[in-house]
Amino acid sequence: DEERKKINVEAATLVGSVALKSGARLLHVSSISAVGVPPEGAVADEKCVFNNEKDHYSLTKFQGERRLKELVNQGLDVVFVCPSNVIGHYRMKEIQKKNIQGIVSGSMWVYPSGGICLADVDDVVRGIFSAWKIGRRGERYILGGKNITYKEYFREIALAAVGSTPWLKLPGSLMLLMGHVIENVYSLCGKTPFIDVNTCRMISRNLFY
């Protein structure tokens, strides 16, 4: 947690201070996590009030943005971009790779009840450059794409890769119970859990932007 704070908050502030002194324009790549969790049944935009203090990653990304916004009042020229869940070629997160491998092999037969906002990596890169060129000082821009449920998302993967579509939906209440059990068991063993309660809560909601 301390290392994450040093990178997302303190390092961001340091870079912002350097940019302020040099008069350079700063493009800060934040995260959709810093925007906040959309109200149930709603699609969030840049004006969403941050409300996910329980997730340390989200909190530090939000705090990093807030620190830089304070420097805007001192003259810093900074533009913020918040990519959503990035997908594309070349490289992917380990959890994305495992999901695809599980769907292709047919070993993954469950899916969460929520949904996510997917953005193609090429679109995200174009959005970053556009924000740097024409973005308004102090403004935040969500780099989103397609809002899709996990059921639909995994079905698309199965169709594209000739795999098997997960068929068993995990209710949010069961996901939360699993999160609590995993956290407690791993804590007793002195290990870091591969998934926590907050993550289980998040993937049980439609995080649409």
C-alpha atoms as a PDB file:
ATOM      1  CA  ASP A   1       0.000   0.000   0.000  1.00  0.00           C
ATOM      2  CA  GLU A   2       2.822   2.396   0.819  1.00  0.00           C
ATOM      3  CA  GLU A   3       4.540   1.768  -2.509  1.00  0.00           C
ATOM      4  CA  ARG A   4       1.292   2.399  -4.352  1.00  0.00           C
ATOM      5  CA  LYS A   5       0.863   5.694  -2.484  1.00  0.00           C
ATOM      6  CA  LYS A   6       4.423   6.744  -3.314  1.00  0.00           C
ATOM      7  CA  ILE A   7       3.835   6.148  -7.030  1.00  0.00           C
ATOM      8  CA  ASN A   8       0.229   7.262  -7.512  1.00  0.00           C
ATOM      9  CA  VAL A   9       0.231  10.236  -5.153  1.00  0.00           C
ATOM     10  CA  GLU A  10       3.715  11.425  -4.182  1.00  0.00           C
ATOM     11  CA  ALA A  11       5.419  10.784  -7.539  1.00  0.00           C
ATOM     12  CA  ALA A  12       2.503  12.391  -9.398  1.00  0.00           C
ATOM     13  CA  THR A  13       2.817  15.466  -7.176  1.00  0.00           C
ATOM     14  CA  LEU A  14       6.570  15.635  -7.777  1.00  0.00           C
ATOM     15  CA  VAL A  15       6.175  15.439 -11.555  1.00  0.00           C
ATOM     16  CA  GLY A  16       3.446  18.074 -11.373  1.00  0.00           C
ATOM     17  CA  SER A  17       5.725  20.408  -9.420  1.00  0.00           C
ATOM     18  CA  VAL A  18       8.482  20.000 -12.022  1.00  0.00           C
ATOM     19  CA  ALA A  19       6.039  20.681 -14.867  1.00  0.00           C
ATOM     20  CA  LEU A  20       4.771  23.772 -13.042  1.00  0.00           C
ATOM     21  CA  LYS A  21       8.273  25.192 -12.634  1.00  0.00           C
ATOM     22  CA  SER A  22       9.234  24.486 -16.246  1.00  0.00           C
ATOM     23  CA  GLY A  23       5.950  25.716 -17.713  1.00  0.00           C
ATOM     24  CA  ALA A  24       5.396  22.432 -19.569  1.00  0.00           C
ATOM     25  CA  ARG A  25       1.997  20.897 -20.284  1.00  0.00           C
ATOM     26  CA  LEU A  26       1.440  17.723 -18.274  1.00  0.00           C
ATOM     27  CA  LEU A  27      -0.736  14.822 -19.438  1.00  0.00           C
ATOM     28  CA  HIS A  28      -1.659  12.746 -16.392  1.00  0.00           C
ATOM     29  CA  VAL A  29      -2.821   9.208 -17.157  1.00  0.00           C
ATOM     30  CA  SER A  30      -5.098   8.350 -14.265  1.00  0.00           C
ATOM     31  CA  SER A  31      -7.677   5.548 -14.206  1.00  0.00           C
ATOM     32  CA  ILE A  32     -11.397   4.944 -14.450  1.00  0.00           C
ATOM     33  CA  SER A  33     -11.029   3.822 -10.833  1.00  0.00           C
ATOM     34  CA  ALA A  34     -10.416   7.441  -9.817  1.00  0.00           C
ATOM     35  CA  VAL A  35     -13.794   8.520 -11.202  1.00  0.00           C
ATOM     36  CA  GLY A  36     -15.919   6.585  -8.719  1.00  0.00           C
ATOM     37  CA  VAL A  37     -18.502   3.817  -8.785  1.00  0.00           C
ATOM     38  CA  PRO A  38     -21.601   4.603 -10.898  1.00  0.00           C
ATOM     39  CA  PRO A  39     -24.948   4.677  -9.076  1.00  0.00           C
ATOM     40  CA  GLU A  40     -26.930   1.472  -9.551  1.00  0.00           C
ATOM     41  CA  GLY A  41     -28.418   1.392 -13.045  1.00  0.00           C
ATOM     42  CA  ALA A  42     -26.586   4.550 -14.167  1.00  0.00           C
ATOM     43  CA  VAL A  43     -23.703   5.361 -16.507  1.00  0.00           C
ATOM     44  CA  ALA A  44     -21.100   7.599 -14.849  1.00  0.00           C
ATOM     45  CA  ASP A  45     -19.323  10.505 -16.529  1.00  0.00           C
ATOM     46  CA  GLU A  46     -16.455  12.831 -15.581  1.00  0.00           C
ATOM     47  CA  LYS A  47     -18.594  14.609 -12.989  1.00  0.00           C
ATOM     48  CA  CYS A  48     -19.141  11.482 -10.893  1.00  0.00           C
ATOM     49  CA  VAL A  49     -18.272  12.099  -7.224  1.00  0.00           C
ATOM     50  CA  PHE A  50     -15.559   9.720  -6.010  1.00  0.00           C
ATOM     51  CA  ASN A  51     -17.027   7.139  -3.634  1.00  0.00           C
ATOM     52  CA  ASN A  52     -14.685   4.138  -3.549  1.00  0.00           C
ATOM     53  CA  GLU A  53     -12.429   4.852  -0.572  1.00  0.00           C
ATOM     54  CA  LYS A  54     -12.382   1.164   0.391  1.00  0.00           C
ATOM     55  CA  ASP A  55     -10.268   0.293  -2.653  1.00  0.00           C
ATOM     56  CA  HIS A  56      -6.723   1.516  -2.016  1.00  0.00           C
ATOM     57  CA  TYR A  57      -5.717   1.616  -5.684  1.00  0.00           C
ATOM     58  CA  SER A  58      -8.762   3.717  -6.596  1.00  0.00           C
ATOM     59  CA  LEU A  59      -8.200   5.986  -3.610  1.00  0.00           C
ATOM     60  CA  THR A  60      -4.548   6.687  -4.457  1.00  0.00           C
ATOM     61  CA  LYS A  61      -5.357   7.383  -8.126  1.00  0.00           C
ATOM     62  CA  PHE A  62      -8.032   9.849  -6.996  1.00  0.00           C
ATOM     63  CA  GLN A  63      -5.662  11.460  -4.493  1.00  0.00           C
ATOM     64  CA  GLY A  64      -3.016  11.823  -7.207  1.00  0.00           C
ATOM     65  CA  GLU A  65      -5.509  13.678  -9.392  1.00  0.00           C
ATOM     66  CA  ARG A  66      -6.554  15.888  -6.491  1.00  0.00           C
ATOM     67  CA  ARG A  67      -2.958  16.857  -5.713  1.00  0.00           C
ATOM     68  CA  LEU A  68      -2.395  17.934  -9.319  1.00  0.00           C
ATOM     69  CA  LYS A  69      -5.678  19.850  -9.421  1.00  0.00           C
ATOM     70  CA  GLU A  70      -4.425  21.868  -6.452  1.00  0.00           C
ATOM     71  CA  LEU A  71      -1.402  22.820  -8.573  1.00  0.00           C
ATOM     72  CA  VAL A  72      -3.726  23.996 -11.356  1.00  0.00           C
ATOM     73  CA  ASN A  73      -4.631  26.920  -9.092  1.00  0.00           C
ATOM     74  CA  GLN A  74      -0.934  27.795  -9.052  1.00  0.00           C
ATOM     75  CA  GLY A  75      -0.709  27.770 -12.838  1.00  0.00           C
ATOM     76  CA  LEU A  76      -0.041  24.131 -13.746  1.00  0.00           C
ATOM     77  CA  ASP A  77      -1.234  23.202 -17.248  1.00  0.00           C
ATOM     78  CA  VAL A  78      -2.405  19.623 -16.758  1.00  0.00           C
ATOM     79  CA  VAL A  79      -4.967  17.450 -18.528  1.00  0.00           C
ATOM     80  CA  PHE A  80      -6.280  14.211 -17.015  1.00  0.00           C
ATOM     81  CA  VAL A  81      -7.289  11.051 -18.881  1.00  0.00           C
ATOM     82  CA  CYS A  82      -8.988   8.082 -17.250  1.00  0.00           C
ATOM     83  CA  PRO A  83      -8.774   4.915 -19.364  1.00  0.00           C
ATOM     84  CA  SER A  84     -11.371   2.253 -18.649  1.00  0.00           C
ATOM     85  CA  ASN A  85     -10.587  -1.488 -18.889  1.00  0.00           C
ATOM     86  CA  VAL A  86      -8.059  -1.667 -21.718  1.00  0.00           C
ATOM     87  CA  ILE A  87      -8.014  -4.639 -24.080  1.00  0.00           C
ATOM     88  CA  GLY A  88      -5.952  -5.293 -27.182  1.00  0.00           C
ATOM     89  CA  HIS A  89      -3.020  -7.099 -28.695  1.00  0.00           C
ATOM     90  CA  TYR A  90       0.638  -7.452 -27.653  1.00  0.00           C
ATOM     91  CA  ARG A  91       0.082  -7.737 -23.921  1.00  0.00           C
ATOM     92  CA  MET A  92      -2.728  -8.057 -21.383  1.00  0.00           C
ATOM     93  CA  LYS A  93      -3.263  -8.325 -17.648  1.00  0.00           C
ATOM     94  CA  GLU A  94      -2.770 -11.765 -16.141  1.00  0.00           C
ATOM     95  CA  ILE A  95      -6.417 -12.015 -15.114  1.00  0.00           C
ATOM     96  CA  GLN A  96      -7.503 -11.208 -18.705  1.00  0.00           C
ATOM     97  CA  LYS A  97      -5.190 -13.903 -20.031  1.00  0.00           C
ATOM     98  CA  LYS A  98      -6.516 -16.480 -17.552  1.00  0.00           C
ATOM     99  CA  ASN A  99     -10.118 -15.655 -18.453  1.00  0.00           C
ATOM    100  CA  ILE A 100      -9.455 -16.121 -22.159  1.00  0.00           C
ATOM    101  CA  GLN A 101      -7.497 -19.340 -21.583  1.00  0.00           C
ATOM    102  CA  GLY A 102     -10.284 -20.682 -19.373  1.00  0.00           C
ATOM    103  CA  ILE A 103     -12.966 -19.882 -21.946  1.00  0.00           C
ATOM    104  CA  VAL A 104     -10.923 -21.391 -24.798  1.00  0.00           C
ATOM    105  CA  SER A 105     -10.218 -24.589 -22.858  1.00  0.00           C
ATOM    106  CA  GLY A 106     -13.776 -24.847 -21.522  1.00  0.00           C
ATOM    107  CA  SER A 107     -12.567 -24.939 -17.905  1.00  0.00           C
ATOM    108  CA  MET A 108     -14.215 -21.625 -17.004  1.00  0.00           C
ATOM    109  CA  TRP A 109     -17.928 -22.130 -16.472  1.00  0.00           C
ATOM    110  CA  VAL A 110     -18.897 -19.288 -14.093  1.00  0.00           C
ATOM    111  CA  TYR A 111     -19.218 -15.546 -14.625  1.00  0.00           C
ATOM    112  CA  PRO A 112     -19.824 -12.524 -12.327  1.00  0.00           C
ATOM    113  CA  SER A 113     -23.164 -10.757 -12.330  1.00  0.00           C
ATOM    114  CA  GLY A 114     -21.785  -7.310 -13.183  1.00  0.00           C
ATOM    115  CA  GLY A 115     -20.303  -5.595 -16.205  1.00  0.00           C
ATOM    116  CA  ILE A 116     -17.444  -3.333 -17.304  1.00  0.00           C
ATOM    117  CA  CYS A 117     -16.474  -0.618 -19.752  1.00  0.00           C
ATOM    118  CA  LEU A 118     -14.005  -1.922 -22.344  1.00  0.00           C
ATOM    119  CA  ALA A 119     -11.681   0.269 -24.398  1.00  0.00           C
ATOM    120  CA  ASP A 120      -9.462  -0.810 -27.291  1.00  0.00           C
ATOM    121  CA  VAL A 121      -5.800  -0.043 -26.589  1.00  0.00           C
ATOM    122  CA  ASP A 122      -5.397   1.749 -29.933  1.00  0.00           C
ATOM    123  CA  ASP A 123      -8.355   4.017 -29.136  1.00  0.00           C
ATOM    124  CA  VAL A 124      -6.895   4.747 -25.703  1.00  0.00           C
ATOM    125  CA  VAL A 125      -3.567   5.772 -27.241  1.00  0.00           C
ATOM    126  CA  ARG A 126      -5.347   8.061 -29.710  1.00  0.00           C
ATOM    127  CA  GLY A 127      -7.371   9.535 -26.859  1.00  0.00           C
ATOM    128  CA  ILE A 128      -4.221  10.250 -24.841  1.00  0.00           C
ATOM    129  CA  PHE A 129      -2.605  12.143 -27.725  1.00  0.00           C
ATOM    130  CA  SER A 130      -5.819  14.047 -28.473  1.00  0.00           C
ATOM    131  CA  ALA A 131      -6.153  15.100 -24.835  1.00  0.00           C
ATOM    132  CA  TRP A 132      -2.550  16.299 -24.809  1.00  0.00           C
ATOM    133  CA  LYS A 133      -3.059  18.326 -27.995  1.00  0.00           C
ATOM    134  CA  ILE A 134      -6.510  19.849 -27.515  1.00  0.00           C
ATOM    135  CA  GLY A 135      -7.612  18.970 -23.976  1.00  0.00           C
ATOM    136  CA  ARG A 136      -8.644  21.863 -21.740  1.00  0.00           C
ATOM    137  CA  ARG A 137      -6.409  22.748 -18.808  1.00  0.00           C
ATOM    138  CA  GLY A 138      -7.534  21.083 -15.587  1.00  0.00           C
ATOM    139  CA  GLU A 139     -10.148  18.917 -17.320  1.00  0.00           C
ATOM    140  CA  ARG A 140     -10.609  15.173 -16.957  1.00  0.00           C
ATOM    141  CA  TYR A 141     -11.534  12.925 -19.888  1.00  0.00           C
ATOM    142  CA  ILE A 142     -12.808   9.355 -19.604  1.00  0.00           C
ATOM    143  CA  LEU A 143     -11.346   7.109 -22.307  1.00  0.00           C
ATOM    144  CA  GLY A 144     -14.138   4.578 -22.442  1.00  0.00           C
ATOM    145  CA  GLY A 145     -15.543   2.330 -25.110  1.00  0.00           C
ATOM    146  CA  LYS A 146     -18.197  -0.366 -24.911  1.00  0.00           C
ATOM    147  CA  ASN A 147     -20.256  -1.029 -21.782  1.00  0.00           C
ATOM    148  CA  ILE A 148     -20.867  -4.756 -21.603  1.00  0.00           C
ATOM    149  CA  THR A 149     -21.881  -7.343 -19.010  1.00  0.00           C
ATOM    150  CA  TYR A 150     -19.424 -10.103 -18.144  1.00  0.00           C
ATOM    151  CA  LYS A 151     -21.892 -12.617 -19.584  1.00  0.00           C
ATOM    152  CA  GLU A 152     -21.863 -10.842 -22.965  1.00  0.00           C
ATOM    153  CA  TYR A 153     -18.118 -10.210 -22.818  1.00  0.00           C
ATOM    154  CA  PHE A 154     -17.233 -13.851 -22.162  1.00  0.00           C
ATOM    155  CA  ARG A 155     -19.695 -14.966 -24.838  1.00  0.00           C
ATOM    156  CA  GLU A 156     -17.934 -12.755 -27.404  1.00  0.00           C
ATOM    157  CA  ILE A 157     -14.573 -14.257 -26.413  1.00  0.00           C
ATOM    158  CA  ALA A 158     -15.985 -17.774 -26.771  1.00  0.00           C
ATOM    159  CA  LEU A 159     -17.368 -17.013 -30.234  1.00  0.00           C
ATOM    160  CA  ALA A 160     -14.123 -15.415 -31.427  1.00  0.00           C
ATOM    161  CA  ALA A 161     -11.870 -18.127 -30.031  1.00  0.00           C
ATOM    162  CA  VAL A 162     -14.217 -21.081 -30.657  1.00  0.00           C
ATOM    163  CA  GLY A 163     -14.369 -21.741 -26.928  1.00  0.00           C
ATOM    164  CA  SER A 164     -17.101 -22.482 -24.403  1.00  0.00           C
ATOM    165  CA  THR A 165     -19.293 -19.722 -22.983  1.00  0.00           C
ATOM    166  CA  PRO A 166     -19.423 -19.698 -19.144  1.00  0.00           C
ATOM    167  CA  TRP A 167     -22.990 -20.560 -18.200  1.00  0.00           C
ATOM    168  CA  LEU A 168     -23.324 -20.268 -14.410  1.00  0.00           C
ATOM    169  CA  LYS A 169     -23.979 -16.787 -13.012  1.00  0.00           C
ATOM    170  CA  LEU A 170     -22.477 -15.986  -9.601  1.00  0.00           C
ATOM    171  CA  PRO A 171     -24.891 -13.744  -7.616  1.00  0.00           C
ATOM    172  CA  GLY A 172     -23.404 -10.706  -5.906  1.00  0.00           C
ATOM    173  CA  SER A 173     -24.226 -12.059  -2.440  1.00  0.00           C
ATOM    174  CA  LEU A 174     -22.327 -15.272  -3.146  1.00  0.00           C
ATOM    175  CA  MET A 175     -19.372 -13.307  -4.557  1.00  0.00           C
ATOM    176  CA  LEU A 176     -19.176 -11.238  -1.363  1.00  0.00           C
ATOM    177  CA  LEU A 177     -19.290 -14.387   0.775  1.00  0.00           C
ATOM    178  CA  MET A 178     -16.485 -15.906  -1.284  1.00  0.00           C
ATOM    179  CA  GLY A 179     -14.458 -12.714  -0.891  1.00  0.00           C
ATOM    180  CA  HIS A 180     -14.793 -12.789   2.894  1.00  0.00           C
ATOM    181  CA  VAL A 181     -13.841 -16.461   3.095  1.00  0.00           C
ATOM    182  CA  ILE A 182     -10.812 -16.051   0.810  1.00  0.00           C
ATOM    183  CA  GLU A 183      -9.601 -12.962   2.687  1.00  0.00           C
ATOM    184  CA  ASN A 184      -9.877 -14.686   6.079  1.00  0.00           C
ATOM    185  CA  VAL A 185      -8.246 -17.947   4.978  1.00  0.00           C
ATOM    186  CA  TYR A 186      -5.325 -16.209   3.283  1.00  0.00           C
ATOM    187  CA  SER A 187      -4.926 -13.883   6.257  1.00  0.00           C
ATOM    188  CA  LEU A 188      -4.635 -16.845   8.632  1.00  0.00           C
ATOM    189  CA  CYS A 189      -1.993 -18.327   6.348  1.00  0.00           C
ATOM    190  CA  GLY A 190      -0.095 -15.033   6.210  1.00  0.00           C
ATOM    191  CA  LYS A 191      -0.592 -14.715   2.461  1.00  0.00           C
ATOM    192  CA  THR A 192      -2.012 -12.022   0.183  1.00  0.00           C
ATOM    193  CA  PRO A 193      -5.416 -13.098  -1.213  1.00  0.00           C
ATOM    194  CA  PHE A 194      -5.753 -13.305  -5.000  1.00  0.00           C
ATOM    195  CA  ILE A 195      -9.138 -11.548  -4.692  1.00  0.00           C
ATOM    196  CA  ASP A 196     -10.661  -9.449  -1.916  1.00  0.00           C
ATOM    197  CA  VAL A 197     -14.122  -8.428  -0.750  1.00  0.00           C
ATOM    198  CA  ASN A 198     -14.095  -5.067  -2.505  1.00  0.00           C
ATOM    199  CA  THR A 199     -13.103  -6.648  -5.828  1.00  0.00           C
ATOM    200  CA  CYS A 200     -15.935  -9.165  -5.464  1.00  0.00           C
ATOM    201  CA  ARG A 201     -18.312  -6.290  -4.754  1.00  0.00           C
ATOM    202  CA  MET A 202     -17.097  -4.360  -7.783  1.00  0.00           C
ATOM    203  CA  ILE A 203     -17.365  -7.181 -10.341  1.00  0.00           C
ATOM    204  CA  SER A 204     -20.925  -7.807  -9.138  1.00  0.00           C
ATOM    205  CA  ARG A 205     -21.967  -4.340 -10.342  1.00  0.00           C
ATOM    206  CA  ASN A 206     -22.315  -2.761 -13.749  1.00  0.00           C
ATOM    207  CA  LEU A 207     -19.365  -0.373 -13.837  1.00  0.00           C
ATOM    208  CA  PHE A 208     -20.498   1.545 -16.896  1.00  0.00           C
ATOM    209  CA  TYR A 209     -18.917   4.854 -17.989  1.00  0.00           C
END
